[in-house]
Structure formats: structure tokens, C-alpha cells
Amino acid sequence: PGRAIVLKGWGAFVLQPIDEKTTRLIIRSQ
């Protein structure tokens, strides 16, 4: 919750907070 969702057959959607106002959104598909 608030961090990551993994979809089978697609991959991961991951949030990595940088600070209180900035976030890295990473999608890894495989």
C-alpha cells in the first residue's frame, strides 16, 4: 500500500519517495 503494485504478466509499478514533494515512479516490465 502506497508503494507498489505488481501485475502478473506485466510487471511492477513502484513509488520511491525522494522527499516530501517529489517521487520517482518506476515501471519494470518483464
PDB file of all heavy atoms in Angstrom:
ATOM      1  N   PRO A   1       0.814  -1.226   0.000  1.00  0.00           N
ATOM      2  CA  PRO A   1       0.000   0.000   0.000  1.00  0.00           C
ATOM      3  C   PRO A   1       0.846   1.273   0.000  1.00  0.00           C
ATOM      4  O   PRO A   1       1.776   1.432   0.784  1.00  0.00           O
ATOM      5  CB  PRO A   1      -0.811  -0.134   1.290  1.00  0.00           C
ATOM      6  CG  PRO A   1      -0.927  -1.612   1.497  1.00  0.00           C
ATOM      7  CD  PRO A   1       0.392  -2.166   1.044  1.00  0.00           C
ATOM      8  N   GLY A   2       0.510   2.154  -0.947  1.00  0.00           N
ATOM      9  CA  GLY A   2       1.221   3.408  -1.067  1.00  0.00           C
ATOM     10  C   GLY A   2       2.590   3.316  -1.689  1.00  0.00           C
ATOM     11  O   GLY A   2       3.280   4.331  -1.852  1.00  0.00           O
ATOM     12  N   ARG A   3       2.965   2.104  -2.086  1.00  0.00           N
ATOM     13  CA  ARG A   3       4.347   1.874  -2.526  1.00  0.00           C
ATOM     14  C   ARG A   3       4.470   1.135  -3.861  1.00  0.00           C
ATOM     15  O   ARG A   3       5.199   1.574  -4.745  1.00  0.00           O
ATOM     16  CB  ARG A   3       5.058   1.081  -1.424  1.00  0.00           C
ATOM     17  CG  ARG A   3       6.358   0.438  -1.807  1.00  0.00           C
ATOM     18  CD  ARG A   3       7.499   1.371  -1.715  1.00  0.00           C
ATOM     19  NE  ARG A   3       8.761   0.668  -1.981  1.00  0.00           N
ATOM     20  CZ  ARG A   3       9.941   1.263  -2.015  1.00  0.00           C
ATOM     21  NH1 ARG A   3      10.016   2.563  -1.791  1.00  0.00           N
ATOM     22  NH2 ARG A   3      11.026   0.587  -2.264  1.00  0.00           N
ATOM     23  N   ALA A   4       3.752   0.006  -4.018  1.00  0.00           N
ATOM     24  CA  ALA A   4       3.969  -0.796  -5.215  1.00  0.00           C
ATOM     25  C   ALA A   4       2.763  -1.664  -5.556  1.00  0.00           C
ATOM     26  O   ALA A   4       2.038  -2.125  -4.667  1.00  0.00           O
ATOM     27  CB  ALA A   4       5.196  -1.684  -5.054  1.00  0.00           C
ATOM     28  N   ILE A   5       2.572  -1.874  -6.855  1.00  0.00           N
ATOM     29  CA  ILE A   5       1.582  -2.810  -7.380  1.00  0.00           C
ATOM     30  C   ILE A   5       2.285  -3.688  -8.397  1.00  0.00           C
ATOM     31  O   ILE A   5       2.998  -3.190  -9.274  1.00  0.00           O
ATOM     32  CB  ILE A   5       0.406  -2.079  -8.063  1.00  0.00           C
ATOM     33  CG1 ILE A   5      -0.348  -1.202  -7.056  1.00  0.00           C
ATOM     34  CG2 ILE A   5      -0.548  -3.079  -8.720  1.00  0.00           C
ATOM     35  CD1 ILE A   5      -1.421  -0.333  -7.703  1.00  0.00           C
ATOM     36  N   VAL A   6       2.084  -4.995  -8.286  1.00  0.00           N
ATOM     37  CA  VAL A   6       2.659  -5.932  -9.254  1.00  0.00           C
ATOM     38  C   VAL A   6       1.521  -6.606 -10.003  1.00  0.00           C
ATOM     39  O   VAL A   6       0.626  -7.190  -9.392  1.00  0.00           O
ATOM     40  CB  VAL A   6       3.522  -7.006  -8.564  1.00  0.00           C
ATOM     41  CG1 VAL A   6       4.089  -7.975  -9.601  1.00  0.00           C
ATOM     42  CG2 VAL A   6       4.652  -6.356  -7.772  1.00  0.00           C
ATOM     43  N   LEU A   7       1.554  -6.498 -11.329  1.00  0.00           N
ATOM     44  CA  LEU A   7       0.567  -7.144 -12.186  1.00  0.00           C
ATOM     45  C   LEU A   7       1.224  -8.333 -12.879  1.00  0.00           C
ATOM     46  O   LEU A   7       2.217  -8.160 -13.594  1.00  0.00           O
ATOM     47  CB  LEU A   7       0.021  -6.159 -13.222  1.00  0.00           C
ATOM     48  CG  LEU A   7      -0.677  -4.909 -12.671  1.00  0.00           C
ATOM     49  CD1 LEU A   7      -1.173  -4.036 -13.814  1.00  0.00           C
ATOM     50  CD2 LEU A   7      -1.831  -5.286 -11.758  1.00  0.00           C
ATOM     51  N   LYS A   8       0.681  -9.508 -12.664  1.00  0.00           N
ATOM     52  CA  LYS A   8       1.239 -10.710 -13.268  1.00  0.00           C
ATOM     53  C   LYS A   8       1.113 -10.618 -14.792  1.00  0.00           C
ATOM     54  O   LYS A   8       0.048 -10.330 -15.325  1.00  0.00           O
ATOM     55  CB  LYS A   8       0.485 -11.930 -12.752  1.00  0.00           C
ATOM     56  CG  LYS A   8       1.097 -13.269 -13.123  1.00  0.00           C
ATOM     57  CD  LYS A   8       0.293 -14.418 -12.543  1.00  0.00           C
ATOM     58  CE  LYS A   8       0.278 -14.387 -11.033  1.00  0.00           C
ATOM     59  NZ  LYS A   8      -0.439 -15.560 -10.459  1.00  0.00           N
ATOM     60  N   GLY A   9       2.221 -10.854 -15.475  1.00  0.00           N
ATOM     61  CA  GLY A   9       2.215 -10.751 -16.925  1.00  0.00           C
ATOM     62  C   GLY A   9       2.560  -9.364 -17.420  1.00  0.00           C
ATOM     63  O   GLY A   9       2.691  -9.144 -18.630  1.00  0.00           O
ATOM     64  N   TRP A  10       2.714  -8.414 -16.508  1.00  0.00           N
ATOM     65  CA  TRP A  10       3.128  -7.063 -16.895  1.00  0.00           C
ATOM     66  C   TRP A  10       4.399  -6.687 -16.155  1.00  0.00           C
ATOM     67  O   TRP A  10       5.457  -6.562 -16.741  1.00  0.00           O
ATOM     68  CB  TRP A  10       2.014  -6.065 -16.595  1.00  0.00           C
ATOM     69  CG  TRP A  10       2.278  -4.653 -17.072  1.00  0.00           C
ATOM     70  CD1 TRP A  10       3.497  -4.032 -17.206  1.00  0.00           C
ATOM     71  CD2 TRP A  10       1.303  -3.696 -17.484  1.00  0.00           C
ATOM     72  NE1 TRP A  10       3.341  -2.741 -17.655  1.00  0.00           N
ATOM     73  CE2 TRP A  10       1.999  -2.517 -17.846  1.00  0.00           C
ATOM     74  CE3 TRP A  10      -0.093  -3.715 -17.580  1.00  0.00           C
ATOM     75  CZ2 TRP A  10       1.338  -1.362 -18.292  1.00  0.00           C
ATOM     76  CZ3 TRP A  10      -0.749  -2.577 -18.026  1.00  0.00           C
ATOM     77  CH2 TRP A  10      -0.034  -1.413 -18.378  1.00  0.00           C
ATOM     78  N   GLY A  11       4.283  -6.505 -14.839  1.00  0.00           N
ATOM     79  CA  GLY A  11       5.446  -6.132 -14.054  1.00  0.00           C
ATOM     80  C   GLY A  11       5.059  -5.302 -12.853  1.00  0.00           C
ATOM     81  O   GLY A  11       3.922  -5.355 -12.378  1.00  0.00           O
ATOM     82  N   ALA A  12       6.011  -4.504 -12.375  1.00  0.00           N
ATOM     83  CA  ALA A  12       5.836  -3.759 -11.133  1.00  0.00           C
ATOM     84  C   ALA A  12       5.749  -2.261 -11.382  1.00  0.00           C
ATOM     85  O   ALA A  12       6.478  -1.705 -12.212  1.00  0.00           O
ATOM     86  CB  ALA A  12       6.989  -4.054 -10.183  1.00  0.00           C
ATOM     87  N   PHE A  13       4.861  -1.613 -10.639  1.00  0.00           N
ATOM     88  CA  PHE A  13       4.727  -0.162 -10.592  1.00  0.00           C
ATOM     89  C   PHE A  13       5.158   0.252  -9.192  1.00  0.00           C
ATOM     90  O   PHE A  13       4.480  -0.076  -8.215  1.00  0.00           O
ATOM     91  CB  PHE A  13       3.283   0.266 -10.848  1.00  0.00           C
ATOM     92  CG  PHE A  13       2.767  -0.111 -12.207  1.00  0.00           C
ATOM     93  CD1 PHE A  13       2.439  -1.430 -12.505  1.00  0.00           C
ATOM     94  CD2 PHE A  13       2.612   0.856 -13.188  1.00  0.00           C
ATOM     95  CE1 PHE A  13       1.961  -1.781 -13.768  1.00  0.00           C
ATOM     96  CE2 PHE A  13       2.139   0.519 -14.446  1.00  0.00           C
ATOM     97  CZ  PHE A  13       1.812  -0.810 -14.736  1.00  0.00           C
ATOM     98  N   VAL A  14       6.280   0.942  -9.091  1.00  0.00           N
ATOM     99  CA  VAL A  14       6.899   1.206  -7.791  1.00  0.00           C
ATOM    100  C   VAL A  14       7.069   2.708  -7.577  1.00  0.00           C
ATOM    101  O   VAL A  14       7.523   3.428  -8.477  1.00  0.00           O
ATOM    102  CB  VAL A  14       8.266   0.502  -7.680  1.00  0.00           C
ATOM    103  CG1 VAL A  14       8.921   0.800  -6.338  1.00  0.00           C
ATOM    104  CG2 VAL A  14       8.103  -1.008  -7.883  1.00  0.00           C
ATOM    105  N   LEU A  15       6.727   3.159  -6.380  1.00  0.00           N
ATOM    106  CA  LEU A  15       6.935   4.551  -5.987  1.00  0.00           C
ATOM    107  C   LEU A  15       8.084   4.614  -4.992  1.00  0.00           C
ATOM    108  O   LEU A  15       8.102   3.893  -3.998  1.00  0.00           O
ATOM    109  CB  LEU A  15       5.673   5.121  -5.338  1.00  0.00           C
ATOM    110  CG  LEU A  15       4.408   5.146  -6.202  1.00  0.00           C
ATOM    111  CD1 LEU A  15       3.248   5.753  -5.417  1.00  0.00           C
ATOM    112  CD2 LEU A  15       4.647   5.910  -7.488  1.00  0.00           C
ATOM    113  N   GLN A  16       9.049   5.495  -5.281  1.00  0.00           N
ATOM    114  CA  GLN A  16      10.173   5.717  -4.369  1.00  0.00           C
ATOM    115  C   GLN A  16      10.226   7.204  -4.035  1.00  0.00           C
ATOM    116  O   GLN A  16      10.672   8.016  -4.862  1.00  0.00           O
ATOM    117  CB  GLN A  16      11.486   5.253  -5.007  1.00  0.00           C
ATOM    118  CG  GLN A  16      11.577   3.750  -5.193  1.00  0.00           C
ATOM    119  CD  GLN A  16      12.926   3.291  -5.718  1.00  0.00           C
ATOM    120  OE1 GLN A  16      13.743   4.093  -6.148  1.00  0.00           O
ATOM    121  NE2 GLN A  16      13.172   1.994  -5.683  1.00  0.00           N
ATOM    122  N   PRO A  17       9.758   7.576  -2.831  1.00  0.00           N
ATOM    123  CA  PRO A  17       9.792   8.996  -2.448  1.00  0.00           C
ATOM    124  C   PRO A  17      11.218   9.525  -2.388  1.00  0.00           C
ATOM    125  O   PRO A  17      12.115   8.866  -1.864  1.00  0.00           O
ATOM    126  CB  PRO A  17       9.144   8.989  -1.064  1.00  0.00           C
ATOM    127  CG  PRO A  17       8.338   7.721  -1.005  1.00  0.00           C
ATOM    128  CD  PRO A  17       9.111   6.732  -1.817  1.00  0.00           C
ATOM    129  N   ILE A  18      11.414  10.709  -2.948  1.00  0.00           N
ATOM    130  CA  ILE A  18      12.698  11.394  -2.856  1.00  0.00           C
ATOM    131  C   ILE A  18      12.680  12.329  -1.655  1.00  0.00           C
ATOM    132  O   ILE A  18      13.631  12.382  -0.881  1.00  0.00           O
ATOM    133  CB  ILE A  18      12.985  12.182  -4.148  1.00  0.00           C
ATOM    134  CG1 ILE A  18      13.114  11.217  -5.327  1.00  0.00           C
ATOM    135  CG2 ILE A  18      14.261  13.009  -4.004  1.00  0.00           C
ATOM    136  CD1 ILE A  18      13.284  11.895  -6.661  1.00  0.00           C
ATOM    137  N   ASP A  19      11.599  13.065  -1.521  1.00  0.00           N
ATOM    138  CA  ASP A  19      11.370  13.908  -0.360  1.00  0.00           C
ATOM    139  C   ASP A  19       9.865  14.086  -0.224  1.00  0.00           C
ATOM    140  O   ASP A  19       9.095  13.350  -0.860  1.00  0.00           O
ATOM    141  CB  ASP A  19      12.094  15.261  -0.484  1.00  0.00           C
ATOM    142  CG  ASP A  19      11.774  15.987  -1.786  1.00  0.00           C
ATOM    143  OD1 ASP A  19      10.599  15.959  -2.218  1.00  0.00           O
ATOM    144  OD2 ASP A  19      12.683  16.588  -2.384  1.00  0.00           O
ATOM    145  N   GLU A  20       9.433  15.037   0.579  1.00  0.00           N
ATOM    146  CA  GLU A  20       8.004  15.202   0.828  1.00  0.00           C
ATOM    147  C   GLU A  20       7.229  15.697  -0.389  1.00  0.00           C
ATOM    148  O   GLU A  20       6.009  15.586  -0.436  1.00  0.00           O
ATOM    149  CB  GLU A  20       7.789  16.172   1.996  1.00  0.00           C
ATOM    150  CG  GLU A  20       8.283  15.640   3.334  1.00  0.00           C
ATOM    151  CD  GLU A  20       8.015  16.616   4.464  1.00  0.00           C
ATOM    152  OE1 GLU A  20       7.539  17.733   4.180  1.00  0.00           O
ATOM    153  OE2 GLU A  20       8.263  16.240   5.624  1.00  0.00           O
ATOM    154  N   LYS A  21       7.942  16.226  -1.377  1.00  0.00           N
ATOM    155  CA  LYS A  21       7.256  16.811  -2.536  1.00  0.00           C
ATOM    156  C   LYS A  21       7.625  16.147  -3.859  1.00  0.00           C
ATOM    157  O   LYS A  21       7.116  16.559  -4.902  1.00  0.00           O
ATOM    158  CB  LYS A  21       7.572  18.311  -2.624  1.00  0.00           C
ATOM    159  CG  LYS A  21       7.094  19.122  -1.433  1.00  0.00           C
ATOM    160  CD  LYS A  21       7.450  20.592  -1.614  1.00  0.00           C
ATOM    161  CE  LYS A  21       6.976  21.423  -0.421  1.00  0.00           C
ATOM    162  NZ  LYS A  21       7.336  22.870  -0.603  1.00  0.00           N
ATOM    163  N   THR A  22       8.475  15.131  -3.824  1.00  0.00           N
ATOM    164  CA  THR A  22       8.980  14.545  -5.068  1.00  0.00           C
ATOM    165  C   THR A  22       9.029  13.025  -4.964  1.00  0.00           C
ATOM    166  O   THR A  22       9.409  12.484  -3.924  1.00  0.00           O
ATOM    167  CB  THR A  22      10.392  15.069  -5.390  1.00  0.00           C
ATOM    168  OG1 THR A  22      10.449  16.482  -5.168  1.00  0.00           O
ATOM    169  CG2 THR A  22      10.764  14.773  -6.835  1.00  0.00           C
ATOM    170  N   THR A  23       8.651  12.367  -6.063  1.00  0.00           N
ATOM    171  CA  THR A  23       8.585  10.909  -6.076  1.00  0.00           C
ATOM    172  C   THR A  23       9.130  10.366  -7.387  1.00  0.00           C
ATOM    173  O   THR A  23       8.905  10.950  -8.446  1.00  0.00           O
ATOM    174  CB  THR A  23       7.115  10.439  -5.922  1.00  0.00           C
ATOM    175  OG1 THR A  23       6.537  11.026  -4.758  1.00  0.00           O
ATOM    176  CG2 THR A  23       7.030   8.925  -5.815  1.00  0.00           C
ATOM    177  N   ARG A  24       9.833   9.251  -7.298  1.00  0.00           N
ATOM    178  CA  ARG A  24      10.223   8.526  -8.502  1.00  0.00           C
ATOM    179  C   ARG A  24       9.173   7.437  -8.759  1.00  0.00           C
ATOM    180  O   ARG A  24       8.852   6.640  -7.871  1.00  0.00           O
ATOM    181  CB  ARG A  24      11.588   7.879  -8.330  1.00  0.00           C
ATOM    182  CG  ARG A  24      12.735   8.847  -8.371  1.00  0.00           C
ATOM    183  CD  ARG A  24      12.977   9.423  -9.747  1.00  0.00           C
ATOM    184  NE  ARG A  24      13.696   8.495 -10.626  1.00  0.00           N
ATOM    185  CZ  ARG A  24      13.915   8.726 -11.912  1.00  0.00           C
ATOM    186  NH1 ARG A  24      13.444   9.828 -12.486  1.00  0.00           N
ATOM    187  NH2 ARG A  24      14.593   7.863 -12.634  1.00  0.00           N
ATOM    188  N   LEU A  25       8.644   7.425  -9.978  1.00  0.00           N
ATOM    189  CA  LEU A  25       7.739   6.367 -10.408  1.00  0.00           C
ATOM    190  C   LEU A  25       8.510   5.463 -11.355  1.00  0.00           C
ATOM    191  O   LEU A  25       9.007   5.902 -12.386  1.00  0.00           O
ATOM    192  CB  LEU A  25       6.515   6.964 -11.107  1.00  0.00           C
ATOM    193  CG  LEU A  25       5.600   5.983 -11.862  1.00  0.00           C
ATOM    194  CD1 LEU A  25       5.079   4.887 -10.940  1.00  0.00           C
ATOM    195  CD2 LEU A  25       4.460   6.736 -12.528  1.00  0.00           C
ATOM    196  N   ILE A  26       8.614   4.191 -10.979  1.00  0.00           N
ATOM    197  CA  ILE A  26       9.380   3.216 -11.758  1.00  0.00           C
ATOM    198  C   ILE A  26       8.431   2.107 -12.221  1.00  0.00           C
ATOM    199  O   ILE A  26       7.649   1.577 -11.425  1.00  0.00           O
ATOM    200  CB  ILE A  26      10.509   2.590 -10.924  1.00  0.00           C
ATOM    201  CG1 ILE A  26      11.413   3.687 -10.336  1.00  0.00           C
ATOM    202  CG2 ILE A  26      11.335   1.612 -11.748  1.00  0.00           C
ATOM    203  CD1 ILE A  26      12.376   3.179  -9.282  1.00  0.00           C
ATOM    204  N   ILE A  27       8.509   1.781 -13.500  1.00  0.00           N
ATOM    205  CA  ILE A  27       7.760   0.644 -14.026  1.00  0.00           C
ATOM    206  C   ILE A  27       8.758  -0.353 -14.590  1.00  0.00           C
ATOM    207  O   ILE A  27       9.535  -0.030 -15.479  1.00  0.00           O
ATOM    208  CB  ILE A  27       6.773   1.049 -15.140  1.00  0.00           C
ATOM    209  CG1 ILE A  27       5.817   2.137 -14.649  1.00  0.00           C
ATOM    210  CG2 ILE A  27       5.988  -0.177 -15.610  1.00  0.00           C
ATOM    211  CD1 ILE A  27       4.828   2.590 -15.715  1.00  0.00           C
ATOM    212  N   ARG A  28       8.752  -1.545 -14.033  1.00  0.00           N
ATOM    213  CA  ARG A  28       9.598  -2.617 -14.575  1.00  0.00           C
ATOM    214  C   ARG A  28       8.695  -3.665 -15.212  1.00  0.00           C
ATOM    215  O   ARG A  28       7.877  -4.288 -14.542  1.00  0.00           O
ATOM    216  CB  ARG A  28      10.464  -3.261 -13.511  1.00  0.00           C
ATOM    217  CG  ARG A  28      11.223  -4.492 -14.041  1.00  0.00           C
ATOM    218  CD  ARG A  28      12.324  -4.919 -13.123  1.00  0.00           C
ATOM    219  NE  ARG A  28      13.370  -3.907 -13.073  1.00  0.00           N
ATOM    220  CZ  ARG A  28      14.280  -3.830 -12.091  1.00  0.00           C
ATOM    221  NH1 ARG A  28      14.249  -4.689 -11.095  1.00  0.00           N
ATOM    222  NH2 ARG A  28      15.200  -2.888 -12.121  1.00  0.00           N
ATOM    223  N   SER A  29       8.874  -3.834 -16.506  1.00  0.00           N
ATOM    224  CA  SER A  29       8.098  -4.817 -17.253  1.00  0.00           C
ATOM    225  C   SER A  29       9.021  -5.929 -17.697  1.00  0.00           C
ATOM    226  O   SER A  29      10.130  -5.675 -18.171  1.00  0.00           O
ATOM    227  CB  SER A  29       7.454  -4.156 -18.480  1.00  0.00           C
ATOM    228  OG  SER A  29       6.720  -3.013 -18.104  1.00  0.00           O
ATOM    229  N   GLN A  30       8.565  -7.159 -17.557  1.00  0.00           N
ATOM    230  CA  GLN A  30       9.393  -8.282 -17.967  1.00  0.00           C
ATOM    231  C   GLN A  30       8.508  -9.462 -18.342  1.00  0.00           C
ATOM    232  O   GLN A  30       7.420  -9.630 -17.818  1.00  0.00           O
ATOM    233  CB  GLN A  30      10.395  -8.672 -16.893  1.00  0.00           C
ATOM    234  CG  GLN A  30       9.875  -8.689 -15.486  1.00  0.00           C
ATOM    235  CD  GLN A  30      11.015  -8.697 -14.479  1.00  0.00           C
ATOM    236  OE1 GLN A  30      12.194  -8.621 -14.816  1.00  0.00           O
ATOM    237  NE2 GLN A  30      10.682  -8.793 -13.216  1.00  0.00           N
TER     238      GLN A  30
END
